[in-house]
Amino acid sequence: MKELAFEEALKRLERIVEDLESEEISLEASLKKYEEGISLIKQCHKKIEEARKKIEVLIKKEGGKLELKGFDESAAKEDD
């Protein structure tokens, strides 16, 4: 399966849920959509993890030590 952008994958997942909730879908089609949904969930999780890692900021402390620190959303808003 082709990897989609996060937003595209999320929209596709929403559509799959709608399809699965429909009473007009066969068992075989439901299973295929379920498999696709699982794949999309894995893609979304991967993209969220990648984004989380990008947000983490390395800050150089005194003495040359590096400290991994989470992104401070309030500080970013103050810069705007």
N, C-alpha and C. Protein backbone atom coordinates (compact mmCIF):
# COMPACT_ATOMS: atom_id res chain seq x y z
N MET A 1 0.83 -1.18 0.00
CA MET A 1 0.00 0.00 0.00
C MET A 1 0.88 1.25 0.00
N LYS A 2 0.52 2.19 -0.84
CA LYS A 2 1.25 3.45 -0.95
C LYS A 2 1.08 4.25 0.35
N GLU A 3 2.18 4.82 0.81
CA GLU A 3 2.12 5.62 2.04
C GLU A 3 1.52 6.99 1.72
N LEU A 4 0.53 7.36 2.49
CA LEU A 4 -0.18 8.62 2.29
C LEU A 4 0.28 9.66 3.29
N ALA A 5 -0.02 10.92 3.00
CA ALA A 5 0.19 11.98 3.98
C ALA A 5 -0.74 11.70 5.16
N PHE A 6 -0.38 12.18 6.33
CA PHE A 6 -1.15 11.91 7.55
C PHE A 6 -2.62 12.27 7.37
N GLU A 7 -2.88 13.47 6.85
CA GLU A 7 -4.26 13.94 6.70
C GLU A 7 -5.05 13.06 5.73
N GLU A 8 -4.40 12.64 4.64
CA GLU A 8 -5.05 11.76 3.67
C GLU A 8 -5.37 10.41 4.30
N ALA A 9 -4.42 9.87 5.06
CA ALA A 9 -4.62 8.58 5.71
C ALA A 9 -5.76 8.66 6.71
N LEU A 10 -5.84 9.75 7.45
CA LEU A 10 -6.90 9.93 8.43
C LEU A 10 -8.27 10.03 7.74
N LYS A 11 -8.34 10.75 6.64
CA LYS A 11 -9.60 10.85 5.89
C LYS A 11 -10.01 9.48 5.35
N ARG A 12 -9.02 8.73 4.86
CA ARG A 12 -9.31 7.38 4.34
C ARG A 12 -9.80 6.49 5.47
N LEU A 13 -9.21 6.60 6.65
CA LEU A 13 -9.66 5.81 7.80
C LEU A 13 -11.11 6.15 8.15
N GLU A 14 -11.45 7.43 8.12
CA GLU A 14 -12.82 7.85 8.42
C GLU A 14 -13.80 7.23 7.41
N ARG A 15 -13.39 7.20 6.15
CA ARG A 15 -14.24 6.62 5.10
C ARG A 15 -14.41 5.11 5.32
N ILE A 16 -13.33 4.46 5.72
CA ILE A 16 -13.39 3.02 5.99
C ILE A 16 -14.36 2.73 7.13
N VAL A 17 -14.30 3.54 8.18
CA VAL A 17 -15.22 3.36 9.31
C VAL A 17 -16.66 3.51 8.84
N GLU A 18 -16.93 4.53 8.02
CA GLU A 18 -18.28 4.72 7.49
C GLU A 18 -18.72 3.49 6.69
N ASP A 19 -17.82 2.98 5.85
CA ASP A 19 -18.13 1.81 5.04
C ASP A 19 -18.40 0.58 5.91
N LEU A 20 -17.59 0.40 6.95
CA LEU A 20 -17.76 -0.76 7.81
C LEU A 20 -19.05 -0.67 8.62
N GLU A 21 -19.49 0.54 8.93
CA GLU A 21 -20.74 0.71 9.67
C GLU A 21 -21.96 0.50 8.78
N SER A 22 -21.75 0.51 7.48
CA SER A 22 -22.84 0.29 6.53
C SER A 22 -23.27 -1.17 6.57
N GLU A 23 -24.55 -1.38 6.45
CA GLU A 23 -25.07 -2.76 6.44
C GLU A 23 -25.01 -3.37 5.05
N GLU A 24 -24.57 -2.60 4.07
CA GLU A 24 -24.57 -3.06 2.69
C GLU A 24 -23.23 -3.64 2.25
N ILE A 25 -22.30 -3.86 3.14
CA ILE A 25 -20.97 -4.33 2.78
C ILE A 25 -20.85 -5.82 3.14
N SER A 26 -20.25 -6.58 2.24
CA SER A 26 -20.10 -8.01 2.47
C SER A 26 -19.00 -8.28 3.50
N LEU A 27 -18.99 -9.49 4.00
CA LEU A 27 -17.97 -9.89 4.97
C LEU A 27 -16.59 -9.81 4.35
N GLU A 28 -16.45 -10.29 3.13
CA GLU A 28 -15.16 -10.27 2.45
C GLU A 28 -14.66 -8.83 2.25
N ALA A 29 -15.56 -7.95 1.82
CA ALA A 29 -15.19 -6.55 1.63
C ALA A 29 -14.85 -5.90 2.98
N SER A 30 -15.57 -6.27 4.02
CA SER A 30 -15.30 -5.75 5.37
C SER A 30 -13.89 -6.13 5.82
N LEU A 31 -13.51 -7.37 5.57
CA LEU A 31 -12.18 -7.83 5.97
C LEU A 31 -11.09 -7.08 5.22
N LYS A 32 -11.30 -6.84 3.93
CA LYS A 32 -10.32 -6.09 3.14
C LYS A 32 -10.19 -4.67 3.66
N LYS A 33 -11.32 -4.05 3.97
CA LYS A 33 -11.28 -2.68 4.49
C LYS A 33 -10.64 -2.63 5.87
N TYR A 34 -10.91 -3.67 6.69
CA TYR A 34 -10.30 -3.75 8.00
C TYR A 34 -8.78 -3.84 7.89
N GLU A 35 -8.30 -4.68 6.98
CA GLU A 35 -6.86 -4.81 6.76
C GLU A 35 -6.26 -3.48 6.30
N GLU A 36 -6.94 -2.81 5.40
CA GLU A 36 -6.46 -1.50 4.94
C GLU A 36 -6.43 -0.51 6.10
N GLY A 37 -7.46 -0.55 6.93
CA GLY A 37 -7.52 0.34 8.10
C GLY A 37 -6.35 0.11 9.05
N ILE A 38 -6.03 -1.14 9.30
CA ILE A 38 -4.90 -1.46 10.18
C ILE A 38 -3.61 -0.89 9.60
N SER A 39 -3.43 -1.05 8.30
CA SER A 39 -2.23 -0.52 7.63
C SER A 39 -2.18 1.01 7.76
N LEU A 40 -3.32 1.66 7.58
CA LEU A 40 -3.37 3.13 7.70
C LEU A 40 -3.09 3.58 9.12
N ILE A 41 -3.59 2.84 10.10
CA ILE A 41 -3.33 3.18 11.50
C ILE A 41 -1.83 3.11 11.79
N LYS A 42 -1.17 2.08 11.26
CA LYS A 42 0.27 1.95 11.44
C LYS A 42 1.01 3.13 10.80
N GLN A 43 0.57 3.53 9.60
CA GLN A 43 1.19 4.68 8.93
C GLN A 43 1.01 5.95 9.77
N CYS A 44 -0.20 6.16 10.27
CA CYS A 44 -0.47 7.36 11.07
C CYS A 44 0.37 7.36 12.35
N HIS A 45 0.45 6.22 12.99
CA HIS A 45 1.25 6.12 14.21
C HIS A 45 2.72 6.44 13.91
N LYS A 46 3.23 5.91 12.82
CA LYS A 46 4.62 6.17 12.42
C LYS A 46 4.84 7.67 12.19
N LYS A 47 3.91 8.31 11.51
CA LYS A 47 4.05 9.74 11.22
C LYS A 47 3.97 10.57 12.50
N ILE A 48 3.12 10.17 13.43
CA ILE A 48 3.02 10.88 14.72
C ILE A 48 4.33 10.74 15.48
N GLU A 49 4.90 9.55 15.49
CA GLU A 49 6.18 9.34 16.17
C GLU A 49 7.29 10.17 15.53
N GLU A 50 7.32 10.22 14.19
CA GLU A 50 8.32 11.02 13.49
C GLU A 50 8.17 12.50 13.85
N ALA A 51 6.93 12.97 13.91
CA ALA A 51 6.68 14.37 14.26
C ALA A 51 7.11 14.64 15.70
N ARG A 52 6.82 13.72 16.60
CA ARG A 52 7.21 13.89 18.00
C ARG A 52 8.72 14.01 18.13
N LYS A 53 9.44 13.18 17.39
CA LYS A 53 10.90 13.22 17.45
C LYS A 53 11.45 14.53 16.89
N LYS A 54 10.79 15.07 15.85
CA LYS A 54 11.24 16.34 15.28
C LYS A 54 11.00 17.50 16.24
N ILE A 55 9.95 17.39 17.05
CA ILE A 55 9.60 18.46 17.96
C ILE A 55 10.56 18.53 19.15
N GLU A 56 11.11 17.37 19.51
CA GLU A 56 12.07 17.37 20.62
C GLU A 56 13.27 18.23 20.24
N VAL A 57 13.70 19.03 21.14
CA VAL A 57 14.77 19.98 20.86
C VAL A 57 15.99 19.65 21.71
N LEU A 58 17.14 19.66 21.04
CA LEU A 58 18.38 19.48 21.79
C LEU A 58 18.86 20.84 22.30
N ILE A 59 19.10 20.91 23.56
CA ILE A 59 19.57 22.16 24.16
C ILE A 59 20.95 21.90 24.76
N LYS A 60 21.88 22.71 24.37
CA LYS A 60 23.24 22.55 24.88
C LYS A 60 23.32 23.20 26.26
N LYS A 61 23.68 22.40 27.24
CA LYS A 61 23.82 22.90 28.60
C LYS A 61 25.26 23.37 28.83
N GLU A 62 25.43 24.08 29.90
CA GLU A 62 26.78 24.51 30.29
C GLU A 62 27.66 23.29 30.44
N GLY A 63 28.90 23.41 30.03
CA GLY A 63 29.85 22.31 30.12
C GLY A 63 29.78 21.39 28.91
N GLY A 64 28.97 21.72 27.91
CA GLY A 64 28.93 20.95 26.68
C GLY A 64 28.00 19.76 26.67
N LYS A 65 27.30 19.51 27.79
CA LYS A 65 26.37 18.39 27.81
C LYS A 65 25.11 18.75 27.02
N LEU A 66 24.58 17.74 26.37
CA LEU A 66 23.34 17.94 25.62
C LEU A 66 22.18 17.35 26.41
N GLU A 67 21.07 18.07 26.40
CA GLU A 67 19.88 17.61 27.11
C GLU A 67 18.72 17.56 26.12
N LEU A 68 18.03 16.46 26.10
CA LEU A 68 16.87 16.32 25.23
C LEU A 68 15.67 16.91 25.97
N LYS A 69 15.02 17.87 25.34
CA LYS A 69 13.92 18.55 25.99
C LYS A 69 12.73 18.59 25.04
N GLY A 70 11.54 18.40 25.55
CA GLY A 70 10.34 18.45 24.73
C GLY A 70 10.09 19.86 24.24
N PHE A 71 9.36 19.98 23.16
CA PHE A 71 9.00 21.25 22.55
C PHE A 71 8.08 22.01 23.49
N ASP A 72 8.37 23.28 23.74
CA ASP A 72 7.55 24.12 24.61
C ASP A 72 6.60 24.93 23.74
N GLU A 73 5.34 24.51 23.71
CA GLU A 73 4.35 25.13 22.83
C GLU A 73 4.09 26.59 23.23
N SER A 74 4.10 26.90 24.52
CA SER A 74 3.84 28.27 24.96
C SER A 74 4.96 29.22 24.52
N ALA A 75 6.19 28.74 24.51
CA ALA A 75 7.31 29.57 24.07
C ALA A 75 7.22 29.86 22.58
N ALA A 76 6.77 28.90 21.82
CA ALA A 76 6.63 29.07 20.37
C ALA A 76 5.55 30.11 20.06
N LYS A 77 4.48 30.15 20.84
CA LYS A 77 3.40 31.12 20.63
C LYS A 77 3.88 32.53 20.94
N GLU A 78 4.78 32.67 21.92
CA GLU A 78 5.31 33.99 22.28
C GLU A 78 6.16 34.56 21.18
N ASP A 79 6.80 33.69 20.36
CA ASP A 79 7.67 34.15 19.27
C ASP A 79 6.89 34.70 18.11
N ASP A 80 5.58 34.37 17.99
CA ASP A 80 4.75 34.82 16.87
C ASP A 80 4.44 36.28 16.91
